[in-house]
């Protein structure tokens, strides 16, 4: 995903474009990885017109991915540990520096 997010491949790319960046990996390895990233919502995929290949493009920015992944993980911890998890989160929040609080508030917007 770093190669996609940093623009090392085009806005729309195919497996061979990504494999050119990682020639040590087999085509099928890159293809499987891209398909799985599309299944997870990090990439979008569509069949390329007139070809067997699929076109891929970014579906989430790095910051969107981190925000969504963090929200899923937090929800999972709360679902598993309930009020104990919420109490731990609250205790951690009370220990944040003013700079950390400001950054956190920025993430919530």
N, C-alpha and C. Protein backbone atom coordinates (compact mmCIF):
# COMPACT_ATOMS: atom_id res chain seq x y z
N UNK A 1 0.83 -1.19 0.00
CA UNK A 1 0.00 0.00 0.00
C UNK A 1 0.87 1.25 0.00
N UNK A 2 2.06 1.16 0.57
CA UNK A 2 2.93 2.33 0.57
C UNK A 2 3.22 2.79 -0.87
N UNK A 3 3.44 1.83 -1.77
CA UNK A 3 3.72 2.18 -3.17
C UNK A 3 2.52 2.88 -3.81
N UNK A 4 1.33 2.48 -3.44
CA UNK A 4 0.11 3.10 -3.98
C UNK A 4 -0.08 4.48 -3.37
N UNK A 5 0.01 4.55 -2.05
CA UNK A 5 -0.23 5.82 -1.35
C UNK A 5 0.80 6.89 -1.68
N UNK A 6 2.02 6.48 -2.01
CA UNK A 6 3.06 7.46 -2.33
C UNK A 6 3.15 7.77 -3.82
N UNK A 7 2.29 7.13 -4.62
CA UNK A 7 2.26 7.42 -6.05
C UNK A 7 3.34 6.73 -6.86
N UNK A 8 3.95 5.68 -6.32
CA UNK A 8 4.98 4.96 -7.09
C UNK A 8 4.38 4.19 -8.26
N UNK A 9 3.09 3.92 -8.20
CA UNK A 9 2.36 3.38 -9.36
C UNK A 9 1.34 4.43 -9.75
N UNK A 10 0.79 4.32 -10.94
CA UNK A 10 -0.19 5.30 -11.41
C UNK A 10 -1.46 5.27 -10.58
N UNK A 11 -2.31 6.26 -10.81
CA UNK A 11 -3.59 6.33 -10.10
C UNK A 11 -4.41 5.07 -10.39
N UNK A 12 -4.33 4.58 -11.61
CA UNK A 12 -4.95 3.32 -12.00
C UNK A 12 -3.80 2.42 -12.47
N UNK A 13 -3.76 1.20 -11.97
CA UNK A 13 -2.64 0.32 -12.31
C UNK A 13 -3.11 -1.12 -12.42
N UNK A 14 -2.27 -1.95 -12.99
CA UNK A 14 -2.53 -3.39 -13.12
C UNK A 14 -1.44 -4.15 -12.36
N UNK A 15 -1.62 -5.44 -12.25
CA UNK A 15 -0.68 -6.28 -11.49
C UNK A 15 0.74 -6.08 -11.98
N UNK A 16 0.94 -6.05 -13.28
CA UNK A 16 2.30 -5.92 -13.82
C UNK A 16 2.97 -4.60 -13.41
N UNK A 17 2.19 -3.54 -13.26
CA UNK A 17 2.76 -2.27 -12.80
C UNK A 17 3.34 -2.42 -11.39
N UNK A 18 2.60 -3.09 -10.54
CA UNK A 18 3.06 -3.29 -9.16
C UNK A 18 4.22 -4.28 -9.14
N UNK A 19 4.13 -5.32 -9.93
CA UNK A 19 5.20 -6.32 -9.94
C UNK A 19 6.52 -5.71 -10.42
N UNK A 20 6.46 -4.72 -11.30
CA UNK A 20 7.68 -4.06 -11.77
C UNK A 20 8.43 -3.41 -10.61
N UNK A 21 7.71 -3.02 -9.57
CA UNK A 21 8.35 -2.43 -8.39
C UNK A 21 8.94 -3.49 -7.47
N UNK A 22 8.46 -4.73 -7.61
CA UNK A 22 8.90 -5.83 -6.74
C UNK A 22 9.19 -7.07 -7.58
N UNK A 23 10.20 -7.01 -8.44
CA UNK A 23 10.46 -8.12 -9.36
C UNK A 23 10.81 -9.43 -8.67
N UNK A 24 11.16 -9.38 -7.41
CA UNK A 24 11.49 -10.62 -6.69
C UNK A 24 10.25 -11.44 -6.35
N UNK A 25 9.07 -10.83 -6.48
CA UNK A 25 7.82 -11.53 -6.18
C UNK A 25 7.21 -12.11 -7.45
N UNK A 26 6.61 -13.27 -7.31
CA UNK A 26 5.94 -13.90 -8.45
C UNK A 26 4.68 -13.10 -8.82
N UNK A 27 4.34 -13.14 -10.09
CA UNK A 27 3.14 -12.46 -10.58
C UNK A 27 1.92 -12.87 -9.77
N UNK A 28 1.79 -14.19 -9.53
CA UNK A 28 0.61 -14.68 -8.81
C UNK A 28 0.58 -14.18 -7.37
N UNK A 29 1.73 -13.99 -6.76
CA UNK A 29 1.79 -13.45 -5.40
C UNK A 29 1.28 -12.02 -5.37
N UNK A 30 1.74 -11.22 -6.33
CA UNK A 30 1.30 -9.82 -6.41
C UNK A 30 -0.19 -9.77 -6.72
N UNK A 31 -0.65 -10.60 -7.64
CA UNK A 31 -2.06 -10.63 -8.03
C UNK A 31 -2.94 -10.99 -6.83
N UNK A 32 -2.54 -12.02 -6.09
CA UNK A 32 -3.31 -12.44 -4.91
C UNK A 32 -3.34 -11.34 -3.86
N UNK A 33 -2.20 -10.69 -3.63
CA UNK A 33 -2.13 -9.62 -2.64
C UNK A 33 -3.04 -8.46 -3.03
N UNK A 34 -3.00 -8.06 -4.29
CA UNK A 34 -3.86 -6.95 -4.74
C UNK A 34 -5.33 -7.32 -4.62
N UNK A 35 -5.67 -8.56 -4.97
CA UNK A 35 -7.06 -9.00 -4.84
C UNK A 35 -7.52 -8.95 -3.38
N UNK A 36 -6.66 -9.39 -2.48
CA UNK A 36 -7.02 -9.37 -1.05
C UNK A 36 -7.14 -7.94 -0.52
N UNK A 37 -6.27 -7.06 -0.99
CA UNK A 37 -6.38 -5.65 -0.58
C UNK A 37 -7.68 -5.04 -1.09
N UNK A 38 -8.12 -5.46 -2.27
CA UNK A 38 -9.40 -4.99 -2.81
C UNK A 38 -10.56 -5.56 -1.98
N UNK A 39 -10.47 -6.82 -1.60
CA UNK A 39 -11.51 -7.43 -0.75
C UNK A 39 -11.63 -6.73 0.59
N UNK A 40 -10.51 -6.22 1.10
CA UNK A 40 -10.50 -5.52 2.39
C UNK A 40 -10.89 -4.05 2.26
N UNK A 41 -11.07 -3.57 1.03
CA UNK A 41 -11.51 -2.20 0.83
C UNK A 41 -10.40 -1.17 0.72
N UNK A 42 -9.16 -1.61 0.68
CA UNK A 42 -8.05 -0.66 0.53
C UNK A 42 -7.87 -0.25 -0.93
N UNK A 43 -8.20 -1.15 -1.83
CA UNK A 43 -8.13 -0.86 -3.26
C UNK A 43 -9.51 -1.12 -3.85
N UNK A 44 -9.79 -0.48 -4.97
CA UNK A 44 -10.98 -0.85 -5.74
C UNK A 44 -10.48 -1.53 -7.00
N UNK A 45 -11.29 -2.43 -7.52
CA UNK A 45 -10.88 -3.24 -8.66
C UNK A 45 -12.02 -3.33 -9.66
N UNK A 46 -11.67 -3.32 -10.93
CA UNK A 46 -12.67 -3.57 -11.98
C UNK A 46 -11.97 -4.24 -13.15
N UNK A 47 -12.74 -5.04 -13.85
CA UNK A 47 -12.17 -5.74 -15.01
C UNK A 47 -11.78 -4.71 -16.06
N UNK A 48 -10.59 -4.85 -16.58
CA UNK A 48 -10.10 -3.94 -17.62
C UNK A 48 -10.81 -4.26 -18.93
N UNK A 49 -11.27 -3.23 -19.60
CA UNK A 49 -12.01 -3.41 -20.84
C UNK A 49 -11.18 -4.16 -21.88
N UNK A 50 -11.75 -5.26 -22.40
CA UNK A 50 -11.10 -6.00 -23.46
C UNK A 50 -9.90 -6.83 -23.04
N UNK A 51 -9.65 -6.95 -21.74
CA UNK A 51 -8.50 -7.72 -21.26
C UNK A 51 -8.92 -8.60 -20.09
N UNK A 52 -8.09 -9.58 -19.80
CA UNK A 52 -8.35 -10.43 -18.63
C UNK A 52 -7.95 -9.71 -17.34
N UNK A 53 -7.07 -8.74 -17.46
CA UNK A 53 -6.52 -8.05 -16.28
C UNK A 53 -7.59 -7.21 -15.58
N UNK A 54 -7.28 -6.86 -14.36
CA UNK A 54 -8.11 -5.94 -13.59
C UNK A 54 -7.33 -4.65 -13.38
N UNK A 55 -8.06 -3.55 -13.41
CA UNK A 55 -7.49 -2.26 -13.06
C UNK A 55 -7.71 -2.05 -11.57
N UNK A 56 -6.70 -1.55 -10.90
CA UNK A 56 -6.80 -1.26 -9.47
C UNK A 56 -6.57 0.23 -9.25
N UNK A 57 -7.17 0.75 -8.19
CA UNK A 57 -6.88 2.10 -7.75
C UNK A 57 -7.15 2.18 -6.25
N UNK A 58 -6.57 3.20 -5.64
CA UNK A 58 -6.71 3.35 -4.20
C UNK A 58 -8.17 3.63 -3.84
N UNK A 59 -8.64 2.99 -2.77
CA UNK A 59 -10.01 3.19 -2.30
C UNK A 59 -10.03 4.01 -1.01
N UNK A 60 -8.94 4.00 -0.26
CA UNK A 60 -8.83 4.74 1.00
C UNK A 60 -7.44 5.34 1.08
N UNK A 61 -7.36 6.56 1.57
CA UNK A 61 -6.05 7.15 1.82
C UNK A 61 -5.45 6.47 3.05
N UNK A 62 -4.17 6.71 3.27
CA UNK A 62 -3.51 6.13 4.44
C UNK A 62 -4.18 6.61 5.72
N UNK A 63 -4.52 7.89 5.79
CA UNK A 63 -5.15 8.41 7.02
C UNK A 63 -6.55 7.83 7.21
N UNK A 64 -7.29 7.64 6.12
CA UNK A 64 -8.62 7.01 6.23
C UNK A 64 -8.49 5.57 6.72
N UNK A 65 -7.51 4.87 6.16
CA UNK A 65 -7.30 3.49 6.59
C UNK A 65 -6.98 3.43 8.09
N UNK A 66 -6.05 4.26 8.54
CA UNK A 66 -5.68 4.24 9.95
C UNK A 66 -6.85 4.61 10.85
N UNK A 67 -7.63 5.60 10.45
CA UNK A 67 -8.80 6.01 11.24
C UNK A 67 -9.80 4.85 11.31
N UNK A 68 -10.09 4.22 10.17
CA UNK A 68 -11.05 3.12 10.14
C UNK A 68 -10.55 1.90 10.90
N UNK A 69 -9.27 1.57 10.71
CA UNK A 69 -8.70 0.42 11.41
C UNK A 69 -8.68 0.66 12.92
N UNK A 70 -8.33 1.87 13.32
CA UNK A 70 -8.33 2.20 14.75
C UNK A 70 -9.72 2.10 15.36
N UNK A 71 -10.72 2.58 14.62
CA UNK A 71 -12.10 2.50 15.11
C UNK A 71 -12.55 1.05 15.24
N UNK A 72 -12.20 0.21 14.25
CA UNK A 72 -12.56 -1.22 14.32
C UNK A 72 -11.89 -1.90 15.51
N UNK A 73 -10.60 -1.62 15.69
CA UNK A 73 -9.87 -2.24 16.79
C UNK A 73 -10.42 -1.80 18.15
N UNK A 74 -10.70 -0.51 18.29
CA UNK A 74 -11.26 -0.02 19.55
C UNK A 74 -12.61 -0.66 19.83
N UNK A 75 -13.46 -0.76 18.80
CA UNK A 75 -14.77 -1.39 18.97
C UNK A 75 -14.62 -2.85 19.37
N UNK A 76 -13.62 -3.53 18.79
CA UNK A 76 -13.39 -4.93 19.13
C UNK A 76 -12.96 -5.07 20.59
N UNK A 77 -12.07 -4.20 21.04
CA UNK A 77 -11.61 -4.26 22.43
C UNK A 77 -12.78 -4.01 23.38
N UNK A 78 -13.62 -3.03 23.07
CA UNK A 78 -14.79 -2.74 23.92
C UNK A 78 -15.76 -3.91 23.89
N UNK A 79 -15.97 -4.51 22.72
CA UNK A 79 -16.87 -5.67 22.64
C UNK A 79 -16.35 -6.84 23.47
N UNK A 80 -15.04 -7.01 23.48
CA UNK A 80 -14.46 -8.13 24.22
C UNK A 80 -14.37 -7.88 25.72
N UNK A 81 -14.05 -6.64 26.12
CA UNK A 81 -13.75 -6.37 27.52
C UNK A 81 -14.71 -5.39 28.19
N UNK A 82 -15.66 -4.84 27.43
CA UNK A 82 -16.71 -4.00 27.99
C UNK A 82 -16.20 -2.80 28.77
N UNK A 83 -16.80 -2.60 29.95
CA UNK A 83 -16.49 -1.43 30.77
C UNK A 83 -15.02 -1.37 31.20
N UNK A 84 -14.38 -2.51 31.35
CA UNK A 84 -12.96 -2.51 31.72
C UNK A 84 -12.13 -1.84 30.63
N UNK A 85 -12.48 -2.09 29.38
CA UNK A 85 -11.76 -1.45 28.28
C UNK A 85 -12.02 0.05 28.27
N UNK A 86 -13.27 0.44 28.48
CA UNK A 86 -13.60 1.87 28.51
C UNK A 86 -12.87 2.58 29.65
N UNK A 87 -12.79 1.92 30.80
CA UNK A 87 -12.06 2.51 31.92
C UNK A 87 -10.58 2.66 31.59
N UNK A 88 -10.01 1.68 30.92
CA UNK A 88 -8.60 1.75 30.54
C UNK A 88 -8.37 2.88 29.54
N UNK A 89 -9.29 3.02 28.56
CA UNK A 89 -9.17 4.12 27.60
C UNK A 89 -9.25 5.46 28.33
N UNK A 90 -10.20 5.59 29.26
CA UNK A 90 -10.37 6.84 30.00
C UNK A 90 -9.13 7.16 30.81
N UNK A 91 -8.54 6.16 31.45
CA UNK A 91 -7.32 6.38 32.24
C UNK A 91 -6.19 6.83 31.33
N UNK A 92 -6.09 6.24 30.16
CA UNK A 92 -5.04 6.63 29.23
C UNK A 92 -5.26 8.07 28.74
N UNK A 93 -6.49 8.43 28.47
CA UNK A 93 -6.78 9.79 28.02
C UNK A 93 -6.39 10.83 29.06
N UNK A 94 -6.58 10.50 30.33
CA UNK A 94 -6.27 11.46 31.39
C UNK A 94 -4.76 11.70 31.51
N UNK A 95 -3.95 10.82 30.94
CA UNK A 95 -2.49 10.94 31.02
C UNK A 95 -1.88 11.65 29.81
N UNK A 96 -2.69 12.04 28.84
CA UNK A 96 -2.17 12.67 27.63
C UNK A 96 -1.65 14.08 27.91
N UNK A 97 -0.62 14.44 27.20
CA UNK A 97 -0.10 15.81 27.29
C UNK A 97 -1.05 16.73 26.51
N UNK A 98 -0.97 18.03 26.74
CA UNK A 98 -1.81 18.96 25.98
C UNK A 98 -1.61 18.83 24.46
N UNK A 99 -0.37 18.59 24.04
CA UNK A 99 -0.11 18.42 22.61
C UNK A 99 -0.80 17.17 22.06
N UNK A 100 -0.73 16.08 22.83
CA UNK A 100 -1.38 14.84 22.41
C UNK A 100 -2.90 15.01 22.34
N UNK A 101 -3.45 15.74 23.32
CA UNK A 101 -4.90 15.98 23.31
C UNK A 101 -5.31 16.78 22.08
N UNK A 102 -4.50 17.78 21.73
CA UNK A 102 -4.81 18.60 20.55
C UNK A 102 -4.78 17.75 19.28
N UNK A 103 -3.75 16.89 19.15
CA UNK A 103 -3.69 16.01 17.98
C UNK A 103 -4.88 15.06 17.93
N UNK A 104 -5.25 14.52 19.06
CA UNK A 104 -6.38 13.60 19.14
C UNK A 104 -7.67 14.31 18.74
N UNK A 105 -7.86 15.52 19.22
CA UNK A 105 -9.07 16.29 18.86
C UNK A 105 -9.09 16.55 17.36
N UNK A 106 -7.93 16.78 16.77
CA UNK A 106 -7.85 16.97 15.32
C UNK A 106 -8.26 15.73 14.55
N UNK A 107 -7.95 14.56 15.08
CA UNK A 107 -8.34 13.30 14.44
C UNK A 107 -9.83 13.07 14.47
N UNK A 108 -10.49 13.63 15.48
CA UNK A 108 -11.93 13.43 15.63
C UNK A 108 -12.73 14.28 14.65
N UNK A 109 -12.12 15.30 14.09
CA UNK A 109 -12.84 16.19 13.19
C UNK A 109 -12.96 15.62 11.81
